[in-house]
């Protein structure tokens, strides 16, 4: 749906092939009609090529719909397999564009001590966005390390304060 509306900016001749997708909801039908976008229901099974050029889209019904160009919505899959050993799984993106690893805005996942960055957490982010997410994750990791080091130092200091309170040598001197 999104791509059909997007491509309508570039061409007055846009056809949306539903293939195996659900039918648009009423509001989407209205948008498509208002933009003059044709909708073809039916499973796409092939392409027709004439004189080494795309000439049509063939449906399972045998119908061939003439086209001169075709755009196919990509599906992105985060390569999160290495993360499965850490307890993370990819989930379906809310826009239906593929699978990704959920995280907060700084890369923190639902698994303690595991952050993600780049396209594994933002399927549609380019190189600049991936680099920026790496910086954000690094900052969050460093902040957690500083907090952990500080907590450990406070615990050591508290333990040292009370270490002499029950020292047997100190008790014998009293």
N, C-alpha and C. Protein backbone atom coordinates (compact mmCIF):
# COMPACT_ATOMS: atom_id res chain seq x y z
N UNK A 1 0.82 -1.19 0.00
CA UNK A 1 0.00 0.00 0.00
C UNK A 1 0.87 1.25 0.00
N UNK A 2 1.82 1.28 0.91
CA UNK A 2 2.70 2.45 1.02
C UNK A 2 3.46 2.68 -0.28
N UNK A 3 4.02 1.62 -0.84
CA UNK A 3 4.79 1.77 -2.07
C UNK A 3 3.91 2.19 -3.24
N UNK A 4 2.71 1.67 -3.31
CA UNK A 4 1.81 2.06 -4.40
C UNK A 4 1.55 3.55 -4.36
N UNK A 5 1.30 4.09 -3.18
CA UNK A 5 1.08 5.52 -3.04
C UNK A 5 2.36 6.31 -3.34
N UNK A 6 3.49 5.76 -2.92
CA UNK A 6 4.77 6.41 -3.17
C UNK A 6 5.07 6.47 -4.67
N UNK A 7 4.93 5.36 -5.36
CA UNK A 7 5.24 5.33 -6.79
C UNK A 7 4.26 6.17 -7.62
N UNK A 8 3.10 6.44 -7.07
CA UNK A 8 2.14 7.29 -7.78
C UNK A 8 2.69 8.71 -7.95
N UNK A 9 3.63 9.10 -7.09
CA UNK A 9 4.28 10.40 -7.24
C UNK A 9 5.08 10.47 -8.54
N UNK A 10 5.55 9.33 -9.01
CA UNK A 10 6.46 9.29 -10.16
C UNK A 10 5.78 8.89 -11.46
N UNK A 11 4.61 8.28 -11.35
CA UNK A 11 3.95 7.80 -12.56
C UNK A 11 2.44 7.85 -12.40
N UNK A 12 1.73 8.23 -13.47
CA UNK A 12 0.27 8.20 -13.40
C UNK A 12 -0.27 6.78 -13.62
N UNK A 13 0.60 5.86 -14.00
CA UNK A 13 0.20 4.49 -14.33
C UNK A 13 0.77 3.52 -13.30
N UNK A 14 0.06 3.34 -12.19
CA UNK A 14 0.51 2.45 -11.11
C UNK A 14 -0.57 1.40 -10.87
N UNK A 15 -0.13 0.15 -10.77
CA UNK A 15 -1.02 -0.96 -10.46
C UNK A 15 -0.48 -1.68 -9.24
N UNK A 16 -1.34 -1.93 -8.28
CA UNK A 16 -0.97 -2.68 -7.08
C UNK A 16 -1.41 -4.13 -7.27
N UNK A 17 -0.45 -5.04 -7.27
CA UNK A 17 -0.75 -6.47 -7.33
C UNK A 17 -0.80 -6.98 -5.89
N UNK A 18 -1.98 -7.45 -5.48
CA UNK A 18 -2.13 -7.91 -4.10
C UNK A 18 -1.37 -9.21 -3.84
N UNK A 19 -1.21 -10.04 -4.88
CA UNK A 19 -0.53 -11.33 -4.76
C UNK A 19 -1.16 -12.13 -3.62
N UNK A 20 -0.48 -12.28 -2.51
CA UNK A 20 -1.04 -13.05 -1.38
C UNK A 20 -1.42 -12.16 -0.20
N UNK A 21 -1.36 -10.85 -0.39
CA UNK A 21 -1.68 -9.92 0.70
C UNK A 21 -3.19 -9.88 0.93
N UNK A 22 -3.57 -9.46 2.12
CA UNK A 22 -4.98 -9.25 2.43
C UNK A 22 -5.51 -8.09 1.60
N UNK A 23 -6.82 -8.08 1.41
CA UNK A 23 -7.43 -6.95 0.72
C UNK A 23 -7.23 -5.68 1.53
N UNK A 24 -7.08 -4.56 0.85
CA UNK A 24 -7.00 -3.28 1.57
C UNK A 24 -8.28 -3.05 2.38
N UNK A 25 -8.13 -2.29 3.46
CA UNK A 25 -9.31 -1.91 4.24
C UNK A 25 -10.01 -0.77 3.50
N UNK A 26 -11.21 -0.43 3.95
CA UNK A 26 -12.04 0.56 3.24
C UNK A 26 -11.30 1.88 2.99
N UNK A 27 -10.63 2.38 4.01
CA UNK A 27 -9.89 3.64 3.86
C UNK A 27 -8.80 3.52 2.80
N UNK A 28 -8.12 2.38 2.75
CA UNK A 28 -7.07 2.18 1.74
C UNK A 28 -7.67 2.09 0.34
N UNK A 29 -8.82 1.42 0.20
CA UNK A 29 -9.48 1.37 -1.10
C UNK A 29 -9.78 2.79 -1.58
N UNK A 30 -10.25 3.62 -0.66
CA UNK A 30 -10.58 5.00 -1.00
C UNK A 30 -9.33 5.76 -1.45
N UNK A 31 -8.23 5.57 -0.76
CA UNK A 31 -6.97 6.23 -1.11
C UNK A 31 -6.49 5.78 -2.49
N UNK A 32 -6.54 4.48 -2.74
CA UNK A 32 -6.10 3.96 -4.03
C UNK A 32 -6.96 4.51 -5.16
N UNK A 33 -8.26 4.52 -4.94
CA UNK A 33 -9.18 5.03 -5.97
C UNK A 33 -8.94 6.52 -6.21
N UNK A 34 -8.75 7.28 -5.15
CA UNK A 34 -8.53 8.71 -5.27
C UNK A 34 -7.25 9.03 -6.04
N UNK A 35 -6.25 8.16 -5.90
CA UNK A 35 -4.98 8.38 -6.60
C UNK A 35 -4.95 7.71 -7.97
N UNK A 36 -6.03 7.03 -8.35
CA UNK A 36 -6.09 6.38 -9.66
C UNK A 36 -5.19 5.17 -9.77
N UNK A 37 -5.01 4.46 -8.67
CA UNK A 37 -4.15 3.28 -8.65
C UNK A 37 -5.01 2.04 -8.84
N UNK A 38 -4.72 1.29 -9.91
CA UNK A 38 -5.45 0.06 -10.18
C UNK A 38 -5.01 -1.01 -9.19
N UNK A 39 -5.92 -1.92 -8.85
CA UNK A 39 -5.62 -3.02 -7.94
C UNK A 39 -5.95 -4.33 -8.64
N UNK A 40 -5.00 -5.26 -8.62
CA UNK A 40 -5.21 -6.57 -9.23
C UNK A 40 -5.13 -7.62 -8.13
N UNK A 41 -6.20 -8.38 -7.96
CA UNK A 41 -6.24 -9.46 -6.99
C UNK A 41 -5.81 -10.74 -7.69
N UNK A 42 -5.10 -11.58 -7.01
CA UNK A 42 -4.67 -12.85 -7.58
C UNK A 42 -3.18 -13.06 -7.37
N UNK A 43 -2.82 -14.33 -7.26
CA UNK A 43 -1.43 -14.70 -7.01
C UNK A 43 -0.60 -14.52 -8.28
N UNK A 44 0.52 -13.83 -8.13
CA UNK A 44 1.46 -13.64 -9.25
C UNK A 44 2.29 -14.91 -9.38
N UNK A 45 2.35 -15.44 -10.62
CA UNK A 45 3.12 -16.67 -10.83
C UNK A 45 4.27 -16.49 -11.81
N UNK A 46 4.31 -15.34 -12.48
CA UNK A 46 5.41 -15.16 -13.42
C UNK A 46 5.37 -13.81 -14.10
N UNK A 47 6.38 -13.59 -14.91
CA UNK A 47 6.50 -12.36 -15.68
C UNK A 47 6.53 -12.70 -17.15
N UNK A 48 6.00 -11.82 -17.95
CA UNK A 48 6.06 -11.97 -19.40
C UNK A 48 7.13 -11.02 -19.92
N UNK A 49 7.97 -11.52 -20.81
CA UNK A 49 9.04 -10.72 -21.39
C UNK A 49 8.92 -10.81 -22.90
N UNK A 50 8.95 -9.66 -23.57
CA UNK A 50 8.90 -9.61 -25.04
C UNK A 50 10.06 -8.76 -25.53
N UNK A 51 10.79 -9.27 -26.50
CA UNK A 51 11.95 -8.55 -27.04
C UNK A 51 12.89 -8.09 -25.93
N UNK A 52 13.14 -8.99 -24.98
CA UNK A 52 14.05 -8.76 -23.87
C UNK A 52 13.61 -7.62 -22.95
N UNK A 53 12.30 -7.33 -22.93
CA UNK A 53 11.75 -6.29 -22.05
C UNK A 53 10.55 -6.85 -21.30
N UNK A 54 10.38 -6.41 -20.08
CA UNK A 54 9.21 -6.78 -19.30
C UNK A 54 7.96 -6.27 -20.01
N UNK A 55 6.99 -7.17 -20.17
CA UNK A 55 5.76 -6.74 -20.85
C UNK A 55 4.50 -7.05 -20.04
N UNK A 56 4.60 -7.92 -19.05
CA UNK A 56 3.41 -8.24 -18.29
C UNK A 56 3.67 -9.06 -17.04
N UNK A 57 2.65 -9.10 -16.19
CA UNK A 57 2.67 -9.91 -14.97
C UNK A 57 1.62 -10.99 -15.15
N UNK A 58 2.03 -12.25 -15.01
CA UNK A 58 1.13 -13.38 -15.20
C UNK A 58 0.59 -13.83 -13.85
N UNK A 59 -0.74 -13.99 -13.79
CA UNK A 59 -1.42 -14.43 -12.57
C UNK A 59 -1.71 -15.92 -12.63
N UNK A 60 -2.00 -16.51 -11.49
CA UNK A 60 -2.32 -17.94 -11.42
C UNK A 60 -3.55 -18.26 -12.26
N UNK A 61 -4.43 -17.30 -12.42
CA UNK A 61 -5.65 -17.51 -13.22
C UNK A 61 -5.36 -17.61 -14.71
N UNK A 62 -4.12 -17.29 -15.10
CA UNK A 62 -3.75 -17.28 -16.51
C UNK A 62 -3.80 -15.89 -17.12
N UNK A 63 -4.41 -14.96 -16.44
CA UNK A 63 -4.48 -13.59 -16.92
C UNK A 63 -3.08 -12.98 -16.93
N UNK A 64 -2.80 -12.20 -17.96
CA UNK A 64 -1.54 -11.46 -18.03
C UNK A 64 -1.88 -9.97 -18.04
N UNK A 65 -1.38 -9.26 -17.06
CA UNK A 65 -1.64 -7.83 -16.93
C UNK A 65 -0.43 -7.10 -17.54
N UNK A 66 -0.65 -6.27 -18.56
CA UNK A 66 0.47 -5.56 -19.18
C UNK A 66 1.11 -4.55 -18.24
N UNK A 67 2.44 -4.56 -18.18
CA UNK A 67 3.22 -3.58 -17.41
C UNK A 67 4.51 -3.28 -18.17
N UNK A 68 5.08 -2.12 -17.89
CA UNK A 68 6.37 -1.77 -18.48
C UNK A 68 7.48 -1.76 -17.43
N UNK A 69 7.09 -1.67 -16.18
CA UNK A 69 8.06 -1.67 -15.08
C UNK A 69 7.41 -2.35 -13.89
N UNK A 70 8.24 -2.85 -12.99
CA UNK A 70 7.72 -3.57 -11.82
C UNK A 70 8.63 -3.28 -10.63
N UNK A 71 8.02 -2.96 -9.51
CA UNK A 71 8.75 -2.79 -8.26
C UNK A 71 8.20 -3.80 -7.27
N UNK A 72 9.08 -4.46 -6.56
CA UNK A 72 8.69 -5.46 -5.58
C UNK A 72 9.16 -4.97 -4.22
N UNK A 73 8.24 -4.97 -3.27
CA UNK A 73 8.60 -4.54 -1.92
C UNK A 73 9.64 -5.51 -1.36
N UNK A 74 10.76 -4.98 -0.90
CA UNK A 74 11.77 -5.86 -0.32
C UNK A 74 11.34 -6.37 1.05
N UNK A 75 11.91 -7.46 1.43
CA UNK A 75 11.71 -7.99 2.77
C UNK A 75 13.10 -8.08 3.40
N UNK A 76 13.25 -7.43 4.54
CA UNK A 76 14.53 -7.38 5.21
C UNK A 76 14.54 -8.38 6.36
N UNK A 77 15.65 -9.05 6.52
CA UNK A 77 15.80 -9.98 7.63
C UNK A 77 17.10 -9.67 8.35
N UNK A 78 16.97 -9.29 9.60
CA UNK A 78 18.16 -9.05 10.42
C UNK A 78 18.89 -10.37 10.60
N UNK A 79 20.17 -10.34 10.43
CA UNK A 79 20.97 -11.56 10.64
C UNK A 79 21.26 -11.69 12.13
N UNK A 80 20.25 -12.08 12.84
CA UNK A 80 20.33 -12.16 14.29
C UNK A 80 20.60 -13.56 14.80
N UNK A 81 20.98 -14.47 13.91
CA UNK A 81 21.22 -15.85 14.33
C UNK A 81 22.24 -15.96 15.44
N UNK A 82 23.30 -15.17 15.36
CA UNK A 82 24.34 -15.20 16.39
C UNK A 82 23.78 -14.77 17.74
N UNK A 83 22.73 -13.97 17.71
CA UNK A 83 22.13 -13.48 18.94
C UNK A 83 21.22 -14.51 19.61
N UNK A 84 20.80 -15.53 18.87
CA UNK A 84 19.90 -16.53 19.44
C UNK A 84 20.56 -17.26 20.61
N UNK A 85 21.88 -17.43 20.54
CA UNK A 85 22.60 -18.06 21.64
C UNK A 85 22.60 -17.21 22.90
N UNK A 86 22.24 -15.94 22.74
CA UNK A 86 22.16 -15.04 23.88
C UNK A 86 20.73 -14.87 24.37
N UNK A 87 19.81 -15.61 23.76
CA UNK A 87 18.42 -15.55 24.17
C UNK A 87 17.57 -14.56 23.39
N UNK A 88 18.08 -14.02 22.30
CA UNK A 88 17.33 -13.07 21.50
C UNK A 88 16.77 -13.74 20.26
N UNK A 89 15.62 -13.27 19.84
CA UNK A 89 14.99 -13.77 18.62
C UNK A 89 14.53 -12.59 17.80
N UNK A 90 14.49 -12.78 16.49
CA UNK A 90 13.93 -11.73 15.66
C UNK A 90 12.41 -11.81 15.71
N UNK A 91 11.78 -10.66 15.59
CA UNK A 91 10.32 -10.57 15.58
C UNK A 91 9.91 -9.83 14.32
N UNK A 92 8.67 -9.98 13.93
CA UNK A 92 8.16 -9.31 12.73
C UNK A 92 8.05 -7.81 12.97
N UNK A 93 8.55 -7.04 12.04
CA UNK A 93 8.49 -5.58 12.12
C UNK A 93 7.03 -5.15 12.03
N UNK A 94 6.62 -4.12 12.78
CA UNK A 94 5.23 -3.67 12.74
C UNK A 94 4.73 -3.27 11.34
N UNK A 95 5.63 -2.84 10.46
CA UNK A 95 5.24 -2.47 9.10
C UNK A 95 5.25 -3.66 8.15
N UNK A 96 5.59 -4.85 8.66
CA UNK A 96 5.59 -6.04 7.82
C UNK A 96 6.73 -6.11 6.82
N UNK A 97 7.82 -5.39 7.08
CA UNK A 97 8.92 -5.36 6.12
C UNK A 97 10.00 -6.38 6.42
N UNK A 98 9.82 -7.20 7.46
CA UNK A 98 10.81 -8.22 7.77
C UNK A 98 10.94 -8.48 9.25
N UNK A 99 12.01 -9.16 9.61
CA UNK A 99 12.27 -9.51 11.00
C UNK A 99 13.43 -8.72 11.56
N UNK A 100 13.31 -8.28 12.81
CA UNK A 100 14.36 -7.50 13.47
C UNK A 100 14.42 -7.86 14.95
N UNK A 101 15.44 -7.36 15.64
CA UNK A 101 15.58 -7.58 17.07
C UNK A 101 15.08 -6.33 17.78
N UNK A 102 14.12 -6.50 18.66
CA UNK A 102 13.55 -5.36 19.39
C UNK A 102 14.57 -4.83 20.40
N UNK A 103 14.59 -3.49 20.50
CA UNK A 103 15.44 -2.84 21.49
C UNK A 103 14.87 -1.46 21.78
N UNK A 104 15.37 -0.84 22.84
CA UNK A 104 14.95 0.52 23.12
C UNK A 104 15.72 1.47 22.19
N UNK A 105 15.53 2.74 22.36
CA UNK A 105 16.17 3.72 21.48
C UNK A 105 17.68 3.76 21.57
N UNK A 106 18.24 3.10 22.56
CA UNK A 106 19.70 3.11 22.72
C UNK A 106 20.31 1.74 22.47
N UNK A 107 19.51 0.80 21.98
CA UNK A 107 20.05 -0.51 21.63
C UNK A 107 19.91 -1.58 22.70
N UNK A 108 19.39 -1.24 23.88
CA UNK A 108 19.24 -2.22 24.96
C UNK A 108 18.12 -3.21 24.59
N UNK A 109 18.41 -4.46 24.70
CA UNK A 109 17.43 -5.51 24.41
C UNK A 109 16.77 -5.96 25.70
N UNK A 110 15.88 -6.92 25.60
CA UNK A 110 15.23 -7.49 26.78
C UNK A 110 16.12 -8.44 27.55
N UNK A 111 17.33 -8.72 27.05
CA UNK A 111 18.27 -9.61 27.72
C UNK A 111 19.35 -8.74 28.38
N UNK A 112 19.49 -8.90 29.69
CA UNK A 112 20.46 -8.10 30.43
C UNK A 112 21.86 -8.24 29.83
N UNK A 113 22.52 -7.10 29.63
CA UNK A 113 23.89 -7.11 29.14
C UNK A 113 24.03 -7.28 27.64
N UNK A 114 22.92 -7.24 26.91
CA UNK A 114 22.99 -7.41 25.45
C UNK A 114 22.36 -6.20 24.77
N UNK A 115 23.14 -5.56 23.92
CA UNK A 115 22.68 -4.42 23.13
C UNK A 115 22.81 -4.78 21.65
N UNK A 116 22.04 -4.13 20.83
CA UNK A 116 22.14 -4.30 19.39
C UNK A 116 22.22 -2.93 18.73
N UNK A 117 22.75 -2.92 17.52
CA UNK A 117 22.87 -1.67 16.78
C UNK A 117 22.81 -1.98 15.29
N UNK A 118 22.52 -0.96 14.52
CA UNK A 118 22.53 -1.11 13.07
C UNK A 118 21.25 -1.74 12.56
N UNK A 119 21.37 -2.41 11.42
CA UNK A 119 20.19 -2.95 10.76
C UNK A 119 19.54 -4.12 11.49
N UNK A 120 20.22 -4.70 12.44
CA UNK A 120 19.59 -5.77 13.20
C UNK A 120 18.45 -5.22 14.05
N UNK A 121 18.54 -3.92 14.38
CA UNK A 121 17.50 -3.29 15.19
C UNK A 121 16.68 -2.25 14.44
N UNK A 122 17.16 -1.83 13.28
CA UNK A 122 16.45 -0.85 12.46
C UNK A 122 16.57 -1.28 11.00
N UNK A 123 15.61 -2.05 10.55
CA UNK A 123 15.67 -2.64 9.21
C UNK A 123 15.80 -1.63 8.09
N UNK A 124 15.25 -0.47 8.28
CA UNK A 124 15.21 0.49 7.19
C UNK A 124 16.26 1.59 7.32
N UNK A 125 17.10 1.50 8.33
CA UNK A 125 18.14 2.50 8.52
C UNK A 125 19.30 2.27 7.56
N UNK A 126 19.81 3.34 7.00
CA UNK A 126 20.96 3.26 6.13
C UNK A 126 22.25 3.23 6.94
N UNK A 127 23.36 3.40 6.24
CA UNK A 127 24.67 3.33 6.88
C UNK A 127 24.81 4.39 7.97
N UNK A 128 24.40 5.61 7.68
CA UNK A 128 24.53 6.69 8.68
C UNK A 128 23.71 6.38 9.93
N UNK A 129 22.50 5.87 9.75
CA UNK A 129 21.65 5.52 10.90
C UNK A 129 22.27 4.37 11.68
N UNK A 130 22.83 3.39 10.97
CA UNK A 130 23.47 2.25 11.63
C UNK A 130 24.67 2.71 12.45
N UNK A 131 25.48 3.61 11.88
CA UNK A 131 26.63 4.12 12.61
C UNK A 131 26.18 4.89 13.85
N UNK A 132 25.15 5.71 13.71
CA UNK A 132 24.65 6.47 14.84
C UNK A 132 24.10 5.55 15.92
N UNK A 133 23.42 4.48 15.53
CA UNK A 133 22.89 3.56 16.54
C UNK A 133 24.02 2.84 17.26
N UNK A 134 25.13 2.61 16.56
CA UNK A 134 26.30 2.02 17.21
C UNK A 134 26.86 2.94 18.28
N UNK A 135 26.91 4.24 17.98
CA UNK A 135 27.39 5.23 18.96
C UNK A 135 26.43 5.28 20.15
N UNK A 136 25.13 5.25 19.90
CA UNK A 136 24.16 5.28 20.99
C UNK A 136 24.28 4.04 21.87
N UNK A 137 24.43 2.87 21.24
CA UNK A 137 24.57 1.64 22.01
C UNK A 137 25.87 1.68 22.82
N UNK A 138 26.95 2.15 22.22
CA UNK A 138 28.23 2.23 22.95
C UNK A 138 28.10 3.15 24.15
N UNK A 139 27.41 4.26 23.98
CA UNK A 139 27.20 5.20 25.08
C UNK A 139 26.39 4.55 26.20
N UNK A 140 25.35 3.82 25.83
CA UNK A 140 24.51 3.14 26.83
C UNK A 140 25.30 2.05 27.55
N UNK A 141 26.11 1.31 26.81
CA UNK A 141 26.94 0.26 27.42
C UNK A 141 27.91 0.89 28.40
N UNK A 142 28.57 1.97 27.99
CA UNK A 142 29.53 2.64 28.87
C UNK A 142 28.85 3.16 30.12
N UNK A 143 27.66 3.73 29.97
CA UNK A 143 26.92 4.24 31.14
C UNK A 143 26.62 3.10 32.11
N UNK A 144 26.23 1.94 31.58
CA UNK A 144 25.95 0.79 32.45
C UNK A 144 27.23 0.30 33.13
N UNK A 145 28.36 0.31 32.40
CA UNK A 145 29.62 -0.12 33.00
C UNK A 145 30.05 0.84 34.12
N UNK A 146 29.89 2.14 33.89
CA UNK A 146 30.22 3.13 34.92
C UNK A 146 29.34 2.91 36.15
N UNK A 147 28.06 2.67 35.94
CA UNK A 147 27.14 2.43 37.07
C UNK A 147 27.54 1.17 37.83
N UNK A 148 27.90 0.11 37.11
CA UNK A 148 28.30 -1.14 37.77
C UNK A 148 29.61 -0.96 38.54
N UNK A 149 30.59 -0.26 37.93
CA UNK A 149 31.85 0.00 38.63
C UNK A 149 31.62 0.83 39.88
N UNK A 150 30.75 1.82 39.80
CA UNK A 150 30.45 2.68 40.94
C UNK A 150 29.77 1.88 42.05
N UNK A 151 28.81 1.05 41.69
CA UNK A 151 28.11 0.23 42.69
C UNK A 151 29.10 -0.71 43.38
N UNK A 152 30.02 -1.30 42.62
CA UNK A 152 31.01 -2.20 43.21
C UNK A 152 31.94 -1.43 44.15
N UNK A 153 32.34 -0.21 43.76
CA UNK A 153 33.22 0.59 44.60
C UNK A 153 32.53 0.98 45.90
N UNK A 154 31.25 1.35 45.82
CA UNK A 154 30.48 1.70 47.02
C UNK A 154 30.38 0.47 47.94
N UNK A 155 30.14 -0.69 47.38
CA UNK A 155 30.03 -1.91 48.19
C UNK A 155 31.37 -2.24 48.86
N UNK A 156 32.48 -2.08 48.13
CA UNK A 156 33.81 -2.33 48.72
C UNK A 156 34.09 -1.35 49.86
N UNK A 157 33.72 -0.10 49.64
CA UNK A 157 33.96 0.94 50.66
C UNK A 157 33.14 0.64 51.91
N UNK A 158 31.89 0.25 51.72
CA UNK A 158 31.04 -0.08 52.87
C UNK A 158 31.59 -1.29 53.62
N UNK A 159 32.06 -2.28 52.88
CA UNK A 159 32.61 -3.48 53.51
C UNK A 159 33.88 -3.13 54.28
N UNK A 160 34.70 -2.23 53.74
CA UNK A 160 35.95 -1.85 54.42
C UNK A 160 35.67 -1.09 55.71
N UNK A 161 34.62 -0.28 55.73
CA UNK A 161 34.28 0.49 56.93
C UNK A 161 33.93 -0.42 58.11
N UNK A 162 33.29 -1.53 57.81
CA UNK A 162 32.83 -2.43 58.87
C UNK A 162 33.77 -3.60 59.10
N UNK A 163 34.83 -3.69 58.31
CA UNK A 163 35.75 -4.82 58.43
C UNK A 163 36.43 -4.84 59.79
N UNK A 164 36.84 -3.67 60.32
CA UNK A 164 37.55 -3.61 61.59
C UNK A 164 36.62 -3.68 62.79
N UNK A 165 35.33 -3.50 62.62
CA UNK A 165 34.39 -3.45 63.73
C UNK A 165 34.38 -4.76 64.49
N UNK A 166 34.61 -5.87 63.85
CA UNK A 166 34.55 -7.16 64.53
C UNK A 166 35.87 -7.91 64.39
N UNK A 167 36.95 -7.16 64.32
CA UNK A 167 38.29 -7.74 64.19
C UNK A 167 38.65 -8.37 65.54
N UNK A 168 38.99 -9.68 65.56
CA UNK A 168 39.32 -10.34 66.84
C UNK A 168 40.50 -9.68 67.57
N UNK A 169 41.49 -9.17 66.83
CA UNK A 169 42.63 -8.51 67.48
C UNK A 169 42.15 -7.22 68.16
N UNK A 170 41.23 -6.50 67.51
CA UNK A 170 40.72 -5.25 68.10
C UNK A 170 39.92 -5.58 69.35
N UNK A 171 39.21 -6.70 69.37
CA UNK A 171 38.41 -7.08 70.53
C UNK A 171 39.32 -7.48 71.70
N UNK A 172 40.42 -8.16 71.38
CA UNK A 172 41.34 -8.62 72.45
C UNK A 172 42.03 -7.44 73.11
N UNK A 173 42.28 -6.37 72.38
CA UNK A 173 42.95 -5.18 72.93
C UNK A 173 42.05 -4.43 73.85
N UNK A 174 40.75 -4.59 73.74
CA UNK A 174 39.79 -3.85 74.60
C UNK A 174 39.63 -4.53 75.87
